[in-house]
């Protein structure tokens, strides 16, 4: 047989700690006041409009399967999305058109 010790064999020397006294519960109003006084942010979910404004769907089946990740300013990104939404074409098409236009300028 094995000489291994059964880890659950003798747990008699382990006893649960006795409570040192019942802790007093703190009223919710006191907790809320302390949180407000110290500018603690709430973890409660924000209330949102049950019927948000419809957003344009940006999903297109195009056959494009490569991803590009670039950093840009928020104004540039907003402009990019706005142009794609106005023209109703995928973002990849906007990028392709922009690159084509840049190539034509260089010629």
N, C-alpha and C. Protein backbone atom coordinates (compact mmCIF):
# COMPACT_ATOMS: atom_id res chain seq x y z
N UNK A 1 0.83 -1.19 0.00
CA UNK A 1 0.00 0.00 0.00
C UNK A 1 0.87 1.24 0.00
N UNK A 2 0.22 2.34 -0.15
CA UNK A 2 0.90 3.61 -0.21
C UNK A 2 1.13 4.17 1.19
N UNK A 3 2.22 4.89 1.36
CA UNK A 3 2.52 5.52 2.64
C UNK A 3 1.95 6.94 2.72
N UNK A 4 1.14 7.28 1.76
CA UNK A 4 0.58 8.64 1.74
C UNK A 4 -0.43 8.82 2.88
N UNK A 5 -0.46 10.00 3.42
CA UNK A 5 -1.38 10.32 4.51
C UNK A 5 -2.69 10.79 3.90
N UNK A 6 -3.78 10.33 4.47
CA UNK A 6 -5.09 10.76 4.02
C UNK A 6 -5.32 12.19 4.50
N UNK A 7 -5.45 13.14 3.61
CA UNK A 7 -5.59 14.53 4.05
C UNK A 7 -6.89 14.78 4.81
N UNK A 8 -7.88 13.91 4.65
CA UNK A 8 -9.15 14.08 5.34
C UNK A 8 -9.30 13.11 6.51
N UNK A 9 -8.25 12.42 6.84
CA UNK A 9 -8.32 11.39 7.86
C UNK A 9 -8.61 11.90 9.25
N UNK A 10 -7.93 12.97 9.71
CA UNK A 10 -8.12 13.45 11.07
C UNK A 10 -8.21 14.96 11.06
N UNK A 11 -9.42 15.46 11.13
CA UNK A 11 -9.63 16.90 11.15
C UNK A 11 -10.18 17.35 12.49
N UNK A 12 -10.00 16.55 13.52
CA UNK A 12 -10.57 16.86 14.83
C UNK A 12 -9.96 18.10 15.47
N UNK A 13 -8.71 18.42 15.11
CA UNK A 13 -8.08 19.59 15.73
C UNK A 13 -8.52 20.90 15.06
N UNK A 14 -9.32 20.82 14.02
CA UNK A 14 -9.86 22.01 13.38
C UNK A 14 -11.29 22.22 13.86
N UNK A 15 -11.53 23.33 14.48
CA UNK A 15 -12.88 23.66 14.93
C UNK A 15 -13.24 25.04 14.41
N UNK A 16 -14.49 25.26 14.13
CA UNK A 16 -14.87 26.58 13.64
C UNK A 16 -14.69 27.63 14.73
N UNK A 17 -14.29 28.80 14.30
CA UNK A 17 -14.10 29.89 15.25
C UNK A 17 -15.45 30.35 15.76
N UNK A 18 -15.50 30.62 17.05
CA UNK A 18 -16.75 31.11 17.61
C UNK A 18 -16.85 32.61 17.37
N UNK A 19 -18.05 33.08 17.10
CA UNK A 19 -18.19 34.52 16.88
C UNK A 19 -17.86 35.29 18.15
N UNK A 20 -17.12 36.38 18.01
CA UNK A 20 -16.70 37.17 19.18
C UNK A 20 -17.80 38.12 19.62
N UNK A 21 -18.86 38.06 19.01
CA UNK A 21 -19.97 38.94 19.33
C UNK A 21 -20.71 39.26 18.05
N UNK A 22 -21.93 39.50 18.21
CA UNK A 22 -22.73 39.78 17.03
C UNK A 22 -22.40 41.18 16.52
N UNK A 23 -22.09 41.29 15.25
CA UNK A 23 -21.81 42.60 14.69
C UNK A 23 -23.10 43.36 14.50
N UNK A 24 -23.04 44.64 14.81
CA UNK A 24 -24.22 45.47 14.63
C UNK A 24 -24.36 45.82 13.16
N UNK A 25 -25.56 45.74 12.68
CA UNK A 25 -25.78 46.11 11.29
C UNK A 25 -25.88 47.62 11.19
N UNK A 26 -25.41 48.16 10.07
CA UNK A 26 -25.43 49.59 9.83
C UNK A 26 -26.62 49.91 8.95
N UNK A 27 -27.31 50.97 9.27
CA UNK A 27 -28.48 51.34 8.49
C UNK A 27 -28.07 51.78 7.10
N UNK A 28 -28.91 51.47 6.14
CA UNK A 28 -28.64 51.80 4.74
C UNK A 28 -28.49 53.30 4.55
N UNK A 29 -29.26 54.08 5.29
CA UNK A 29 -29.19 55.54 5.15
C UNK A 29 -27.80 56.06 5.54
N UNK A 30 -27.21 55.45 6.56
CA UNK A 30 -25.87 55.87 7.01
C UNK A 30 -24.84 55.52 5.94
N UNK A 31 -24.96 54.35 5.37
CA UNK A 31 -24.04 53.93 4.31
C UNK A 31 -24.16 54.86 3.12
N UNK A 32 -25.39 55.17 2.72
CA UNK A 32 -25.60 56.07 1.59
C UNK A 32 -25.02 57.45 1.88
N UNK A 33 -25.17 57.93 3.10
CA UNK A 33 -24.64 59.25 3.44
C UNK A 33 -23.12 59.27 3.40
N UNK A 34 -22.47 58.23 3.91
CA UNK A 34 -21.01 58.14 3.88
C UNK A 34 -20.53 58.09 2.43
N UNK A 35 -21.22 57.33 1.60
CA UNK A 35 -20.84 57.23 0.19
C UNK A 35 -20.99 58.58 -0.50
N UNK A 36 -22.07 59.29 -0.22
CA UNK A 36 -22.28 60.60 -0.83
C UNK A 36 -21.23 61.60 -0.36
N UNK A 37 -20.94 61.60 0.94
CA UNK A 37 -19.97 62.54 1.50
C UNK A 37 -18.57 62.33 0.93
N UNK A 38 -18.25 61.10 0.55
CA UNK A 38 -16.90 60.78 0.07
C UNK A 38 -16.84 60.56 -1.44
N UNK A 39 -17.90 60.92 -2.14
CA UNK A 39 -17.95 60.83 -3.60
C UNK A 39 -17.70 59.42 -4.12
N UNK A 40 -18.21 58.41 -3.44
CA UNK A 40 -18.09 57.05 -3.93
C UNK A 40 -19.06 56.87 -5.09
N UNK A 41 -18.62 56.28 -6.20
CA UNK A 41 -19.55 56.07 -7.32
C UNK A 41 -20.50 54.92 -7.01
N UNK A 42 -21.69 55.03 -7.50
CA UNK A 42 -22.68 53.98 -7.32
C UNK A 42 -22.39 52.83 -8.28
N UNK A 43 -22.66 51.63 -7.84
CA UNK A 43 -22.51 50.47 -8.72
C UNK A 43 -23.84 50.03 -9.29
N UNK A 44 -24.86 50.81 -9.01
CA UNK A 44 -26.17 50.49 -9.55
C UNK A 44 -26.16 50.76 -11.05
N UNK A 45 -26.85 49.95 -11.83
CA UNK A 45 -26.89 50.19 -13.27
C UNK A 45 -27.58 51.50 -13.58
N UNK A 46 -27.10 52.15 -14.63
CA UNK A 46 -27.70 53.41 -15.04
C UNK A 46 -29.07 53.15 -15.65
N UNK A 47 -29.97 54.06 -15.40
CA UNK A 47 -31.29 53.94 -16.00
C UNK A 47 -31.20 54.46 -17.42
N UNK A 48 -31.63 53.63 -18.36
CA UNK A 48 -31.56 54.02 -19.76
C UNK A 48 -32.96 54.07 -20.34
N UNK A 49 -33.07 54.77 -21.43
CA UNK A 49 -34.34 54.88 -22.12
C UNK A 49 -34.75 53.50 -22.61
N UNK A 50 -35.97 53.04 -22.30
CA UNK A 50 -36.35 51.69 -22.70
C UNK A 50 -36.40 51.50 -24.21
N UNK A 51 -36.59 52.58 -24.95
CA UNK A 51 -36.60 52.47 -26.41
C UNK A 51 -35.54 53.41 -26.97
N UNK A 52 -34.29 52.93 -27.06
CA UNK A 52 -33.24 53.80 -27.57
C UNK A 52 -33.47 54.13 -29.04
N UNK A 53 -32.87 55.22 -29.45
CA UNK A 53 -32.99 55.64 -30.85
C UNK A 53 -32.39 54.56 -31.75
N UNK A 54 -33.02 54.28 -32.88
CA UNK A 54 -32.47 53.25 -33.77
C UNK A 54 -31.12 53.68 -34.31
N UNK A 55 -30.20 52.74 -34.34
CA UNK A 55 -28.88 53.00 -34.88
C UNK A 55 -28.73 52.25 -36.19
N UNK A 56 -27.86 52.79 -37.03
CA UNK A 56 -27.67 52.12 -38.32
C UNK A 56 -26.93 50.81 -38.11
N UNK A 57 -27.31 49.84 -38.89
CA UNK A 57 -26.68 48.52 -38.83
C UNK A 57 -25.41 48.58 -39.67
N UNK A 58 -24.28 48.21 -39.09
CA UNK A 58 -23.02 48.28 -39.81
C UNK A 58 -22.52 46.89 -40.19
N UNK A 59 -23.41 45.97 -40.36
CA UNK A 59 -22.99 44.62 -40.76
C UNK A 59 -23.30 44.43 -42.23
N UNK A 60 -22.29 44.04 -42.96
CA UNK A 60 -22.45 43.80 -44.39
C UNK A 60 -21.74 42.50 -44.74
N UNK A 61 -22.33 41.71 -45.60
CA UNK A 61 -21.68 40.52 -46.10
C UNK A 61 -20.90 40.93 -47.34
N UNK A 62 -19.57 40.96 -47.22
CA UNK A 62 -18.75 41.51 -48.30
C UNK A 62 -17.66 40.58 -48.76
N UNK A 63 -17.36 39.56 -47.99
CA UNK A 63 -16.24 38.70 -48.35
C UNK A 63 -14.93 39.21 -47.78
N UNK A 64 -14.96 40.39 -47.18
CA UNK A 64 -13.73 40.89 -46.55
C UNK A 64 -13.52 40.10 -45.27
N UNK A 65 -12.30 39.59 -45.09
CA UNK A 65 -12.05 38.78 -43.90
C UNK A 65 -10.75 39.15 -43.20
N UNK A 66 -10.21 40.31 -43.51
CA UNK A 66 -8.99 40.78 -42.86
C UNK A 66 -9.33 41.98 -41.99
N UNK A 67 -8.63 42.11 -40.90
CA UNK A 67 -8.90 43.21 -39.97
C UNK A 67 -7.69 44.13 -39.89
N UNK A 68 -7.96 45.42 -39.75
CA UNK A 68 -6.90 46.39 -39.56
C UNK A 68 -7.23 47.17 -38.30
N UNK A 69 -6.24 47.42 -37.49
CA UNK A 69 -6.44 48.16 -36.25
C UNK A 69 -5.48 49.33 -36.26
N UNK A 70 -6.02 50.53 -36.33
CA UNK A 70 -5.19 51.74 -36.36
C UNK A 70 -5.68 52.71 -35.30
N UNK A 71 -4.78 53.56 -34.84
CA UNK A 71 -5.15 54.59 -33.88
C UNK A 71 -5.45 55.87 -34.64
N UNK A 72 -6.47 56.58 -34.18
CA UNK A 72 -6.85 57.84 -34.80
C UNK A 72 -7.50 58.70 -33.74
N UNK A 73 -7.68 59.97 -34.06
CA UNK A 73 -8.38 60.85 -33.12
C UNK A 73 -9.86 60.51 -33.15
N UNK A 74 -10.55 60.93 -32.11
CA UNK A 74 -11.98 60.66 -32.06
C UNK A 74 -12.71 61.39 -33.19
N UNK A 75 -12.21 62.54 -33.58
CA UNK A 75 -12.84 63.29 -34.68
C UNK A 75 -12.69 62.53 -36.00
N UNK A 76 -11.51 61.95 -36.22
CA UNK A 76 -11.28 61.19 -37.46
C UNK A 76 -12.16 59.95 -37.50
N UNK A 77 -12.26 59.26 -36.39
CA UNK A 77 -13.08 58.05 -36.33
C UNK A 77 -14.55 58.40 -36.55
N UNK A 78 -15.00 59.48 -35.91
CA UNK A 78 -16.40 59.90 -36.09
C UNK A 78 -16.67 60.26 -37.54
N UNK A 79 -15.72 60.93 -38.17
CA UNK A 79 -15.86 61.31 -39.59
C UNK A 79 -15.92 60.05 -40.46
N UNK A 80 -15.07 59.07 -40.17
CA UNK A 80 -15.04 57.82 -40.92
C UNK A 80 -16.38 57.10 -40.83
N UNK A 81 -16.91 56.96 -39.60
CA UNK A 81 -18.19 56.31 -39.42
C UNK A 81 -19.32 57.10 -40.08
N UNK A 82 -19.26 58.43 -39.97
CA UNK A 82 -20.31 59.26 -40.56
C UNK A 82 -20.36 59.07 -42.07
N UNK A 83 -19.20 59.07 -42.72
CA UNK A 83 -19.14 58.90 -44.17
C UNK A 83 -19.67 57.51 -44.56
N UNK A 84 -19.27 56.50 -43.82
CA UNK A 84 -19.74 55.13 -44.12
C UNK A 84 -21.25 55.04 -43.96
N UNK A 85 -21.77 55.66 -42.91
CA UNK A 85 -23.22 55.63 -42.68
C UNK A 85 -23.98 56.41 -43.74
N UNK A 86 -23.46 57.59 -44.10
CA UNK A 86 -24.13 58.41 -45.11
C UNK A 86 -24.19 57.71 -46.47
N UNK A 87 -23.10 57.04 -46.83
CA UNK A 87 -23.05 56.38 -48.12
C UNK A 87 -23.65 54.98 -48.07
N UNK A 88 -23.88 54.46 -46.86
CA UNK A 88 -24.50 53.15 -46.72
C UNK A 88 -23.64 52.01 -47.22
N UNK A 89 -22.33 52.15 -47.07
CA UNK A 89 -21.41 51.10 -47.52
C UNK A 89 -20.56 50.65 -46.34
N UNK A 90 -19.96 49.47 -46.44
CA UNK A 90 -19.12 48.97 -45.36
C UNK A 90 -17.89 49.87 -45.14
N UNK A 91 -17.37 49.80 -43.95
CA UNK A 91 -16.19 50.60 -43.62
C UNK A 91 -14.99 50.23 -44.48
N UNK A 92 -14.89 48.96 -44.83
CA UNK A 92 -13.79 48.54 -45.70
C UNK A 92 -13.86 49.19 -47.07
N UNK A 93 -15.07 49.42 -47.55
CA UNK A 93 -15.25 50.10 -48.85
C UNK A 93 -14.82 51.55 -48.75
N UNK A 94 -15.12 52.21 -47.64
CA UNK A 94 -14.69 53.60 -47.44
C UNK A 94 -13.17 53.67 -47.43
N UNK A 95 -12.53 52.74 -46.75
CA UNK A 95 -11.06 52.70 -46.72
C UNK A 95 -10.50 52.48 -48.11
N UNK A 96 -11.09 51.55 -48.87
CA UNK A 96 -10.60 51.27 -50.23
C UNK A 96 -10.76 52.50 -51.12
N UNK A 97 -11.89 53.19 -51.02
CA UNK A 97 -12.10 54.40 -51.82
C UNK A 97 -11.11 55.50 -51.44
N UNK A 98 -10.86 55.65 -50.15
CA UNK A 98 -9.92 56.67 -49.70
C UNK A 98 -8.51 56.37 -50.21
N UNK A 99 -8.10 55.11 -50.17
CA UNK A 99 -6.77 54.74 -50.67
C UNK A 99 -6.67 54.95 -52.18
N UNK A 100 -7.75 54.61 -52.90
CA UNK A 100 -7.77 54.85 -54.35
C UNK A 100 -7.63 56.33 -54.65
N UNK A 101 -8.32 57.18 -53.90
CA UNK A 101 -8.24 58.62 -54.11
C UNK A 101 -6.84 59.13 -53.81
N UNK A 102 -6.18 58.60 -52.78
CA UNK A 102 -4.80 59.00 -52.48
C UNK A 102 -3.85 58.60 -53.59
N UNK A 103 -4.04 57.42 -54.15
CA UNK A 103 -3.18 56.97 -55.25
C UNK A 103 -3.35 57.88 -56.47
N UNK A 104 -4.58 58.30 -56.76
CA UNK A 104 -4.83 59.18 -57.89
C UNK A 104 -4.17 60.54 -57.69
N UNK A 105 -4.11 61.01 -56.46
CA UNK A 105 -3.45 62.30 -56.17
C UNK A 105 -1.96 62.22 -56.41
N UNK A 106 -1.37 61.05 -56.14
CA UNK A 106 0.08 60.88 -56.30
C UNK A 106 0.50 60.74 -57.77
N UNK A 107 -0.45 60.42 -58.64
CA UNK A 107 -0.08 60.18 -60.05
C UNK A 107 0.07 61.46 -60.82
